[in-house]
Amino acid sequence: MTPPIPWPTALTIAGSDSGGGAGIQADLRTFAFHRVHGTSALTCVTAQNTLGVTRVDALAPEAVVAQLDAITSDIAVQAIKTGMLLNQDIIQAVATSLEQRPTPVVVDPVMVSRTGAQLIDDNAIAILIRTLIPQAHILTPNRHEAQLLSGLDISTLADMEAAARRIHQLGPQAVLVKGGGMGEPLRGTDVWFDGHEVMVLATEAVDTRHTHGTGCTLSAAIAANLALGKAPLTAAKDGKDYVTRALNHALAIGQGQGPVGHFFPLLVDQP
């Protein structure tokens, strides 16, 4: 019998989005697009659609860790991403669990939405900064999260660069400050800093209101590229390119903000 072919595998630790636009659902679709097997550890269940979130139920920290243990005790995982961890107990449990694993981790901090709404409380943020962010191989804060982490106001490219440098001092190996929520001319511009050089990653700004799940999708795409063996900066560049192309085929579904088109090659000929 021919032995099974080793297959690149990634793990997402995040919440469920019942509307399918973000969270675990977006992550697994992104992994699949990259031909990376997706595994998942659920942190919370949300009731949401394109109009917003109406309920959030957290899993017990022990249940989250049990999922991590079940996956990693059996399946070789080449990259991990974290998304919505929701509260301080889950953050602490995940951080403690990941300390025992050498796998590269992409941390999407999910502390503040791109509109500026704080998503987790101050105690959870403090624990995230102290325990999980220092373990990140790549940290992907949006503008508001970067402001919180750096203590700087961000309105210019120079501000983004200064924030990336300051956030790097918190311990991650590399920081990607995202400019997706910023106005022109910085919309579509991110800033990378890995402790050695600052690099501006700029792509076209896509004119669409259907951007739900872009942050989840980017961090998942970066993790998928790491699982494929790409270097961190290449993984970030390719992940950003994927999100841009997916935004160009965003889905106008529901009455609110639709998701990006994760399987955009299948949508090219669609109306």
C-alpha atoms as a PDB file:
ATOM      1  CA  MET A   1       0.000   0.000   0.000  1.00  0.00           C
ATOM      2  CA  THR A   2       1.264   3.452  -0.884  1.00  0.00           C
ATOM      3  CA  PRO A   3       1.846   5.502   2.298  1.00  0.00           C
ATOM      4  CA  PRO A   4      -0.282   8.629   2.661  1.00  0.00           C
ATOM      5  CA  ILE A   5       1.230  11.826   1.312  1.00  0.00           C
ATOM      6  CA  PRO A   6       2.156  14.301   4.074  1.00  0.00           C
ATOM      7  CA  TRP A   7      -0.220  17.227   3.866  1.00  0.00           C
ATOM      8  CA  PRO A   8       0.376  20.762   5.178  1.00  0.00           C
ATOM      9  CA  THR A   9      -1.901  21.467   8.119  1.00  0.00           C
ATOM     10  CA  ALA A  10      -2.838  24.619  10.012  1.00  0.00           C
ATOM     11  CA  LEU A  11      -4.817  25.197  13.194  1.00  0.00           C
ATOM     12  CA  THR A  12      -7.163  28.072  13.922  1.00  0.00           C
ATOM     13  CA  ILE A  13      -8.115  28.981  17.495  1.00  0.00           C
ATOM     14  CA  ALA A  14     -11.073  31.330  17.189  1.00  0.00           C
ATOM     15  CA  GLY A  15     -14.804  31.847  17.512  1.00  0.00           C
ATOM     16  CA  SER A  16     -17.650  30.685  15.304  1.00  0.00           C
ATOM     17  CA  ASP A  17     -19.475  33.165  13.066  1.00  0.00           C
ATOM     18  CA  SER A  18     -22.951  31.803  12.349  1.00  0.00           C
ATOM     19  CA  GLY A  19     -23.170  34.098   9.323  1.00  0.00           C
ATOM     20  CA  GLY A  20     -20.114  32.410   7.832  1.00  0.00           C
ATOM     21  CA  GLY A  21     -18.192  35.596   7.082  1.00  0.00           C
ATOM     22  CA  ALA A  22     -15.463  35.605   9.718  1.00  0.00           C
ATOM     23  CA  GLY A  23     -14.007  33.504  12.518  1.00  0.00           C
ATOM     24  CA  ILE A  24     -13.556  29.759  12.216  1.00  0.00           C
ATOM     25  CA  GLN A  25     -15.636  29.602   9.050  1.00  0.00           C
ATOM     26  CA  ALA A  26     -13.510  32.175   7.216  1.00  0.00           C
ATOM     27  CA  ASP A  27     -10.296  30.597   8.486  1.00  0.00           C
ATOM     28  CA  LEU A  28     -11.154  27.105   7.283  1.00  0.00           C
ATOM     29  CA  ARG A  29     -12.201  28.380   3.863  1.00  0.00           C
ATOM     30  CA  THR A  30      -8.949  30.286   3.604  1.00  0.00           C
ATOM     31  CA  PHE A  31      -6.910  27.226   4.555  1.00  0.00           C
ATOM     32  CA  ALA A  32      -8.788  25.148   1.996  1.00  0.00           C
ATOM     33  CA  PHE A  33      -8.160  27.693  -0.766  1.00  0.00           C
ATOM     34  CA  HIS A  34      -4.431  27.375  -0.069  1.00  0.00           C
ATOM     35  CA  ARG A  35      -4.647  23.559  -0.138  1.00  0.00           C
ATOM     36  CA  VAL A  36      -3.815  23.390   3.544  1.00  0.00           C
ATOM     37  CA  HIS A  37      -5.761  21.025   5.777  1.00  0.00           C
ATOM     38  CA  GLY A  38      -7.606  23.046   8.406  1.00  0.00           C
ATOM     39  CA  THR A  39      -8.094  22.042  12.037  1.00  0.00           C
ATOM     40  CA  SER A  40      -9.875  24.170  14.610  1.00  0.00           C
ATOM     41  CA  ALA A  41     -10.293  24.841  18.306  1.00  0.00           C
ATOM     42  CA  LEU A  42     -13.471  26.764  19.028  1.00  0.00           C
ATOM     43  CA  THR A  43     -13.395  29.469  21.728  1.00  0.00           C
ATOM     44  CA  CYS A  44     -16.924  30.831  21.523  1.00  0.00           C
ATOM     45  CA  VAL A  45     -20.147  30.606  19.560  1.00  0.00           C
ATOM     46  CA  THR A  46     -21.706  33.779  18.195  1.00  0.00           C
ATOM     47  CA  ALA A  47     -25.170  34.437  16.843  1.00  0.00           C
ATOM     48  CA  GLN A  48     -24.533  36.898  14.028  1.00  0.00           C
ATOM     49  CA  ASN A  49     -25.313  37.804  10.455  1.00  0.00           C
ATOM     50  CA  THR A  50     -24.332  40.598   8.071  1.00  0.00           C
ATOM     51  CA  LEU A  51     -26.070  43.132  10.309  1.00  0.00           C
ATOM     52  CA  GLY A  52     -24.221  42.348  13.537  1.00  0.00           C
ATOM     53  CA  VAL A  53     -23.806  40.117  16.587  1.00  0.00           C
ATOM     54  CA  THR A  54     -26.785  39.344  18.821  1.00  0.00           C
ATOM     55  CA  ARG A  55     -25.282  36.804  21.240  1.00  0.00           C
ATOM     56  CA  VAL A  56     -21.915  35.382  22.279  1.00  0.00           C
ATOM     57  CA  ASP A  57     -21.401  32.225  24.350  1.00  0.00           C
ATOM     58  CA  ALA A  58     -17.903  31.349  25.551  1.00  0.00           C
ATOM     59  CA  LEU A  59     -16.605  27.816  25.840  1.00  0.00           C
ATOM     60  CA  ALA A  60     -14.891  26.744  29.043  1.00  0.00           C
ATOM     61  CA  PRO A  61     -11.110  27.243  28.883  1.00  0.00           C
ATOM     62  CA  GLU A  62     -10.689  23.535  29.601  1.00  0.00           C
ATOM     63  CA  ALA A  63     -12.773  22.723  26.523  1.00  0.00           C
ATOM     64  CA  VAL A  64     -10.582  24.944  24.354  1.00  0.00           C
ATOM     65  CA  VAL A  65      -7.381  23.313  25.632  1.00  0.00           C
ATOM     66  CA  ALA A  66      -8.906  19.844  25.187  1.00  0.00           C
ATOM     67  CA  GLN A  67      -9.438  20.638  21.507  1.00  0.00           C
ATOM     68  CA  LEU A  68      -5.824  21.800  21.156  1.00  0.00           C
ATOM     69  CA  ASP A  69      -4.539  18.672  22.860  1.00  0.00           C
ATOM     70  CA  ALA A  70      -6.724  16.389  20.750  1.00  0.00           C
ATOM     71  CA  ILE A  71      -5.477  17.939  17.527  1.00  0.00           C
ATOM     72  CA  THR A  72      -1.788  18.234  18.283  1.00  0.00           C
ATOM     73  CA  SER A  73      -1.467  14.817  19.931  1.00  0.00           C
ATOM     74  CA  ASP A  74      -2.442  13.203  16.638  1.00  0.00           C
ATOM     75  CA  ILE A  75      -1.929  15.627  13.747  1.00  0.00           C
ATOM     76  CA  ALA A  76       1.271  17.435  12.791  1.00  0.00           C
ATOM     77  CA  VAL A  77       0.425  21.138  12.571  1.00  0.00           C
ATOM     78  CA  GLN A  78       2.807  23.441  10.703  1.00  0.00           C
ATOM     79  CA  ALA A  79       1.200  26.771  11.669  1.00  0.00           C
ATOM     80  CA  ILE A  80      -1.321  28.147  14.149  1.00  0.00           C
ATOM     81  CA  LYS A  81      -3.422  31.302  14.107  1.00  0.00           C
ATOM     82  CA  THR A  82      -5.381  32.799  16.952  1.00  0.00           C
ATOM     83  CA  GLY A  83      -8.431  34.972  16.488  1.00  0.00           C
ATOM     84  CA  MET A  84     -11.216  35.891  18.906  1.00  0.00           C
ATOM     85  CA  LEU A  85     -10.254  34.472  22.327  1.00  0.00           C
ATOM     86  CA  LEU A  86     -12.985  36.515  24.067  1.00  0.00           C
ATOM     87  CA  ASN A  87     -11.938  36.600  27.726  1.00  0.00           C
ATOM     88  CA  GLN A  88      -8.965  36.513  30.054  1.00  0.00           C
ATOM     89  CA  ASP A  89      -9.408  32.891  31.124  1.00  0.00           C
ATOM     90  CA  ILE A  90      -9.394  31.593  27.543  1.00  0.00           C
ATOM     91  CA  ILE A  91      -6.467  33.837  26.620  1.00  0.00           C
ATOM     92  CA  GLN A  92      -4.433  32.576  29.571  1.00  0.00           C
ATOM     93  CA  ALA A  93      -5.287  28.939  28.843  1.00  0.00           C
ATOM     94  CA  VAL A  94      -4.383  29.242  25.159  1.00  0.00           C
ATOM     95  CA  ALA A  95      -1.147  31.096  25.901  1.00  0.00           C
ATOM     96  CA  THR A  96      -0.084  28.479  28.446  1.00  0.00           C
ATOM     97  CA  SER A  97      -0.897  25.673  26.011  1.00  0.00           C
ATOM     98  CA  LEU A  98       1.014  27.293  23.141  1.00  0.00           C
ATOM     99  CA  GLU A  99       4.128  27.776  25.292  1.00  0.00           C
ATOM    100  CA  GLN A 100       4.650  24.019  25.050  1.00  0.00           C
ATOM    101  CA  ARG A 101       4.530  23.982  21.238  1.00  0.00           C
ATOM    102  CA  PRO A 102       7.252  25.145  18.814  1.00  0.00           C
ATOM    103  CA  THR A 103       4.773  25.753  15.976  1.00  0.00           C
ATOM    104  CA  PRO A 104       4.781  29.261  14.397  1.00  0.00           C
ATOM    105  CA  VAL A 105       1.842  31.320  15.657  1.00  0.00           C
ATOM    106  CA  VAL A 106       0.081  34.165  13.861  1.00  0.00           C
ATOM    107  CA  VAL A 107      -1.761  36.281  16.433  1.00  0.00           C
ATOM    108  CA  ASP A 108      -4.689  38.389  15.245  1.00  0.00           C
ATOM    109  CA  PRO A 109      -5.268  40.258  18.528  1.00  0.00           C
ATOM    110  CA  VAL A 110      -9.031  40.872  17.981  1.00  0.00           C
ATOM    111  CA  MET A 111      -9.171  43.495  20.717  1.00  0.00           C
ATOM    112  CA  VAL A 112     -10.754  46.405  18.869  1.00  0.00           C
ATOM    113  CA  SER A 113     -12.843  46.350  15.706  1.00  0.00           C
ATOM    114  CA  ARG A 114     -11.719  48.328  12.673  1.00  0.00           C
ATOM    115  CA  THR A 115     -14.467  50.836  13.538  1.00  0.00           C
ATOM    116  CA  GLY A 116     -12.943  51.391  16.992  1.00  0.00           C
ATOM    117  CA  ALA A 117     -15.255  49.313  19.210  1.00  0.00           C
ATOM    118  CA  GLN A 118     -13.405  47.493  21.998  1.00  0.00           C
ATOM    119  CA  LEU A 119     -14.209  43.770  21.813  1.00  0.00           C
ATOM    120  CA  ILE A 120     -12.604  42.435  25.005  1.00  0.00           C
ATOM    121  CA  ASP A 121     -12.204  44.018  28.444  1.00  0.00           C
ATOM    122  CA  ASP A 122      -9.093  45.707  29.811  1.00  0.00           C
ATOM    123  CA  ASN A 123      -8.053  42.723  31.939  1.00  0.00           C
ATOM    124  CA  ALA A 124      -8.198  40.425  28.906  1.00  0.00           C
ATOM    125  CA  ILE A 125      -6.125  42.901  26.896  1.00  0.00           C
ATOM    126  CA  ALA A 126      -3.504  43.040  29.659  1.00  0.00           C
ATOM    127  CA  ILE A 127      -3.209  39.242  29.721  1.00  0.00           C
ATOM    128  CA  LEU A 128      -3.025  39.100  25.927  1.00  0.00           C
ATOM    129  CA  ILE A 129      -0.138  41.584  25.966  1.00  0.00           C
ATOM    130  CA  ARG A 130       1.680  39.768  28.761  1.00  0.00           C
ATOM    131  CA  THR A 131       1.229  36.135  27.723  1.00  0.00           C
ATOM    132  CA  LEU A 132       0.287  35.629  24.065  1.00  0.00           C
ATOM    133  CA  ILE A 133       1.699  38.524  22.067  1.00  0.00           C
ATOM    134  CA  PRO A 134       5.299  37.691  23.071  1.00  0.00           C
ATOM    135  CA  GLN A 135       4.776  34.233  21.526  1.00  0.00           C
ATOM    136  CA  ALA A 136       3.644  35.594  18.165  1.00  0.00           C
ATOM    137  CA  HIS A 137       5.785  34.914  15.143  1.00  0.00           C
ATOM    138  CA  ILE A 138       3.618  37.478  13.350  1.00  0.00           C
ATOM    139  CA  LEU A 139       1.200  39.900  15.049  1.00  0.00           C
ATOM    140  CA  THR A 140      -1.486  41.525  12.854  1.00  0.00           C
ATOM    141  CA  PRO A 141      -3.112  44.494  14.660  1.00  0.00           C
ATOM    142  CA  ASN A 142      -5.470  46.849  12.869  1.00  0.00           C
ATOM    143  CA  ARG A 143      -5.089  50.598  13.255  1.00  0.00           C
ATOM    144  CA  HIS A 144      -7.070  50.857  16.506  1.00  0.00           C
ATOM    145  CA  GLU A 145      -5.336  47.834  18.038  1.00  0.00           C
ATOM    146  CA  ALA A 146      -1.966  49.257  17.020  1.00  0.00           C
ATOM    147  CA  GLN A 147      -2.851  52.538  18.712  1.00  0.00           C
ATOM    148  CA  LEU A 148      -3.770  50.713  21.900  1.00  0.00           C
ATOM    149  CA  LEU A 149      -0.654  48.528  21.864  1.00  0.00           C
ATOM    150  CA  SER A 150       1.761  51.318  20.985  1.00  0.00           C
ATOM    151  CA  GLY A 151       0.179  54.206  22.843  1.00  0.00           C
ATOM    152  CA  LEU A 152       0.489  56.300  19.682  1.00  0.00           C
ATOM    153  CA  ASP A 153      -2.119  58.075  17.585  1.00  0.00           C
ATOM    154  CA  ILE A 154      -1.948  56.737  14.041  1.00  0.00           C
ATOM    155  CA  SER A 155      -2.976  58.867  11.085  1.00  0.00           C
ATOM    156  CA  THR A 156       0.058  58.815   8.768  1.00  0.00           C
ATOM    157  CA  LEU A 157       2.433  56.277   7.278  1.00  0.00           C
ATOM    158  CA  ALA A 158       5.163  57.516   9.624  1.00  0.00           C
ATOM    159  CA  ASP A 159       2.793  56.855  12.553  1.00  0.00           C
ATOM    160  CA  MET A 160       2.222  53.293  11.339  1.00  0.00           C
ATOM    161  CA  GLU A 161       5.969  52.727  11.106  1.00  0.00           C
ATOM    162  CA  ALA A 162       6.584  54.137  14.590  1.00  0.00           C
ATOM    163  CA  ALA A 163       3.776  52.013  16.024  1.00  0.00           C
ATOM    164  CA  ALA A 164       5.158  48.858  14.399  1.00  0.00           C
ATOM    165  CA  ARG A 165       8.561  49.501  15.963  1.00  0.00           C
ATOM    166  CA  ARG A 166       7.092  50.134  19.403  1.00  0.00           C
ATOM    167  CA  ILE A 167       4.765  47.095  19.279  1.00  0.00           C
ATOM    168  CA  HIS A 168       7.719  44.928  18.302  1.00  0.00           C
ATOM    169  CA  GLN A 169       9.190  45.713  21.725  1.00  0.00           C
ATOM    170  CA  LEU A 170       6.307  43.731  23.284  1.00  0.00           C
ATOM    171  CA  GLY A 171       7.963  40.541  22.032  1.00  0.00           C
ATOM    172  CA  PRO A 172       6.499  39.336  18.712  1.00  0.00           C
ATOM    173  CA  GLN A 173       9.041  38.334  16.077  1.00  0.00           C
ATOM    174  CA  ALA A 174       7.293  40.483  13.454  1.00  0.00           C
ATOM    175  CA  VAL A 175       4.459  43.018  13.381  1.00  0.00           C
ATOM    176  CA  LEU A 176       2.116  43.809  10.496  1.00  0.00           C
ATOM    177  CA  VAL A 177       0.180  47.012  11.229  1.00  0.00           C
ATOM    178  CA  LYS A 178      -2.870  46.991   8.985  1.00  0.00           C
ATOM    179  CA  GLY A 179      -4.176  50.138   7.319  1.00  0.00           C
ATOM    180  CA  GLY A 180      -7.437  48.704   6.027  1.00  0.00           C
ATOM    181  CA  GLY A 181      -9.559  50.937   8.240  1.00  0.00           C
ATOM    182  CA  MET A 182      -7.683  54.106   7.356  1.00  0.00           C
ATOM    183  CA  GLY A 183      -8.654  56.699   4.781  1.00  0.00           C
ATOM    184  CA  GLU A 184      -6.906  57.597   1.576  1.00  0.00           C
ATOM    185  CA  PRO A 185      -4.108  57.380   0.665  1.00  0.00           C
ATOM    186  CA  LEU A 186      -3.310  54.689   3.261  1.00  0.00           C
ATOM    187  CA  ARG A 187      -6.263  52.396   2.622  1.00  0.00           C
ATOM    188  CA  GLY A 188      -4.726  49.177   1.356  1.00  0.00           C
ATOM    189  CA  THR A 189      -1.345  49.955   2.952  1.00  0.00           C
ATOM    190  CA  ASP A 190       0.169  47.837   5.735  1.00  0.00           C
ATOM    191  CA  VAL A 191       3.503  48.219   7.515  1.00  0.00           C
ATOM    192  CA  TRP A 192       5.805  45.296   8.375  1.00  0.00           C
ATOM    193  CA  PHE A 193       8.578  45.367  10.975  1.00  0.00           C
ATOM    194  CA  ASP A 194      10.600  42.332  12.024  1.00  0.00           C
ATOM    195  CA  GLY A 195      13.218  44.016  14.169  1.00  0.00           C
ATOM    196  CA  HIS A 196      15.523  44.720  11.248  1.00  0.00           C
ATOM    197  CA  GLU A 197      13.737  46.736   8.604  1.00  0.00           C
ATOM    198  CA  VAL A 198      10.464  48.499   8.034  1.00  0.00           C
ATOM    199  CA  MET A 199       8.675  47.524   4.839  1.00  0.00           C
ATOM    200  CA  VAL A 200       5.560  49.131   3.388  1.00  0.00           C
ATOM    201  CA  LEU A 201       3.186  46.626   1.778  1.00  0.00           C
ATOM    202  CA  ALA A 202       0.776  48.453  -0.497  1.00  0.00           C
ATOM    203  CA  THR A 203      -1.936  47.077  -2.763  1.00  0.00           C
ATOM    204  CA  GLU A 204      -4.898  48.564  -4.547  1.00  0.00           C
ATOM    205  CA  ALA A 205      -7.686  49.825  -2.316  1.00  0.00           C
ATOM    206  CA  VAL A 206     -10.825  47.882  -3.192  1.00  0.00           C
ATOM    207  CA  ASP A 207     -14.001  49.955  -3.232  1.00  0.00           C
ATOM    208  CA  THR A 208     -16.554  47.729  -1.489  1.00  0.00           C
ATOM    209  CA  ARG A 209     -18.535  47.820   1.727  1.00  0.00           C
ATOM    210  CA  HIS A 210     -18.519  44.019   1.896  1.00  0.00           C
ATOM    211  CA  THR A 211     -15.385  43.568   3.976  1.00  0.00           C
ATOM    212  CA  HIS A 212     -16.577  41.318   6.792  1.00  0.00           C
ATOM    213  CA  GLY A 213     -13.886  38.875   7.859  1.00  0.00           C
ATOM    214  CA  THR A 214     -10.886  40.590   6.262  1.00  0.00           C
ATOM    215  CA  GLY A 215      -8.807  40.495   9.457  1.00  0.00           C
ATOM    216  CA  CYS A 216      -9.550  36.830  10.111  1.00  0.00           C
ATOM    217  CA  THR A 217      -8.891  35.990   6.489  1.00  0.00           C
ATOM    218  CA  LEU A 218      -5.541  37.774   6.389  1.00  0.00           C
ATOM    219  CA  SER A 219      -4.156  36.090   9.502  1.00  0.00           C
ATOM    220  CA  ALA A 220      -5.451  32.721   8.279  1.00  0.00           C
ATOM    221  CA  ALA A 221      -3.862  33.242   4.869  1.00  0.00           C
ATOM    222  CA  ILE A 222      -0.537  34.118   6.497  1.00  0.00           C
ATOM    223  CA  ALA A 223      -0.752  30.983   8.647  1.00  0.00           C
ATOM    224  CA  ALA A 224      -1.588  28.869   5.600  1.00  0.00           C
ATOM    225  CA  ASN A 225       1.448  30.233   3.765  1.00  0.00           C
ATOM    226  CA  LEU A 226       3.656  29.502   6.778  1.00  0.00           C
ATOM    227  CA  ALA A 227       2.290  25.955   6.789  1.00  0.00           C
ATOM    228  CA  LEU A 228       3.336  25.712   3.145  1.00  0.00           C
ATOM    229  CA  GLY A 229       6.895  26.513   4.186  1.00  0.00           C
ATOM    230  CA  LYS A 230       7.107  30.148   3.090  1.00  0.00           C
ATOM    231  CA  ALA A 231       9.265  32.675   4.915  1.00  0.00           C
ATOM    232  CA  PRO A 232       7.343  35.050   7.230  1.00  0.00           C
ATOM    233  CA  LEU A 233       7.570  38.164   5.033  1.00  0.00           C
ATOM    234  CA  THR A 234       6.632  36.190   1.925  1.00  0.00           C
ATOM    235  CA  ALA A 235       3.717  34.641   3.829  1.00  0.00           C
ATOM    236  CA  ALA A 236       2.520  38.124   4.797  1.00  0.00           C
ATOM    237  CA  LYS A 237       2.858  39.509   1.259  1.00  0.00           C
ATOM    238  CA  ASP A 238       1.058  36.520  -0.280  1.00  0.00           C
ATOM    239  CA  GLY A 239      -1.626  36.634   2.409  1.00  0.00           C
ATOM    240  CA  LYS A 240      -2.259  40.310   1.699  1.00  0.00           C
ATOM    241  CA  ASP A 241      -2.475  39.625  -2.035  1.00  0.00           C
ATOM    242  CA  TYR A 242      -5.030  36.865  -1.378  1.00  0.00           C
ATOM    243  CA  VAL A 243      -7.232  39.174   0.708  1.00  0.00           C
ATOM    244  CA  THR A 244      -7.093  41.883  -1.953  1.00  0.00           C
ATOM    245  CA  ARG A 245      -8.222  39.471  -4.651  1.00  0.00           C
ATOM    246  CA  ALA A 246     -10.954  38.116  -2.361  1.00  0.00           C
ATOM    247  CA  LEU A 247     -12.177  41.671  -1.700  1.00  0.00           C
ATOM    248  CA  ASN A 248     -12.469  42.190  -5.445  1.00  0.00           C
ATOM    249  CA  HIS A 249     -15.026  39.350  -5.400  1.00  0.00           C
ATOM    250  CA  ALA A 250     -16.769  40.177  -2.115  1.00  0.00           C
ATOM    251  CA  LEU A 251     -20.220  38.685  -1.610  1.00  0.00           C
ATOM    252  CA  ALA A 252     -23.189  41.062  -1.517  1.00  0.00           C
ATOM    253  CA  ILE A 253     -25.329  38.803   0.657  1.00  0.00           C
ATOM    254  CA  GLY A 254     -27.721  39.717   3.443  1.00  0.00           C
ATOM    255  CA  GLN A 255     -28.848  43.227   4.318  1.00  0.00           C
ATOM    256  CA  GLY A 256     -25.584  44.454   5.803  1.00  0.00           C
ATOM    257  CA  GLN A 257     -21.859  43.936   5.345  1.00  0.00           C
ATOM    258  CA  GLY A 258     -21.131  40.827   3.336  1.00  0.00           C
ATOM    259  CA  PRO A 259     -17.948  38.733   3.472  1.00  0.00           C
ATOM    260  CA  VAL A 260     -14.976  38.583   1.150  1.00  0.00           C
ATOM    261  CA  GLY A 261     -15.074  35.971  -1.623  1.00  0.00           C
ATOM    262  CA  HIS A 262     -12.720  33.315  -0.273  1.00  0.00           C
ATOM    263  CA  PHE A 263     -13.069  31.119  -3.355  1.00  0.00           C
ATOM    264  CA  PHE A 264     -12.845  33.956  -5.859  1.00  0.00           C
ATOM    265  CA  PRO A 265     -11.728  31.772  -8.824  1.00  0.00           C
ATOM    266  CA  LEU A 266     -15.161  30.176  -8.668  1.00  0.00           C
ATOM    267  CA  LEU A 267     -16.842  33.603  -8.698  1.00  0.00           C
ATOM    268  CA  VAL A 268     -15.085  35.136 -11.697  1.00  0.00           C
ATOM    269  CA  ASP A 269     -17.823  34.229 -14.170  1.00  0.00           C
ATOM    270  CA  GLN A 270     -20.667  34.922 -11.770  1.00  0.00           C
ATOM    271  CA  PRO A 271     -22.777  38.103 -11.862  1.00  0.00           C
END
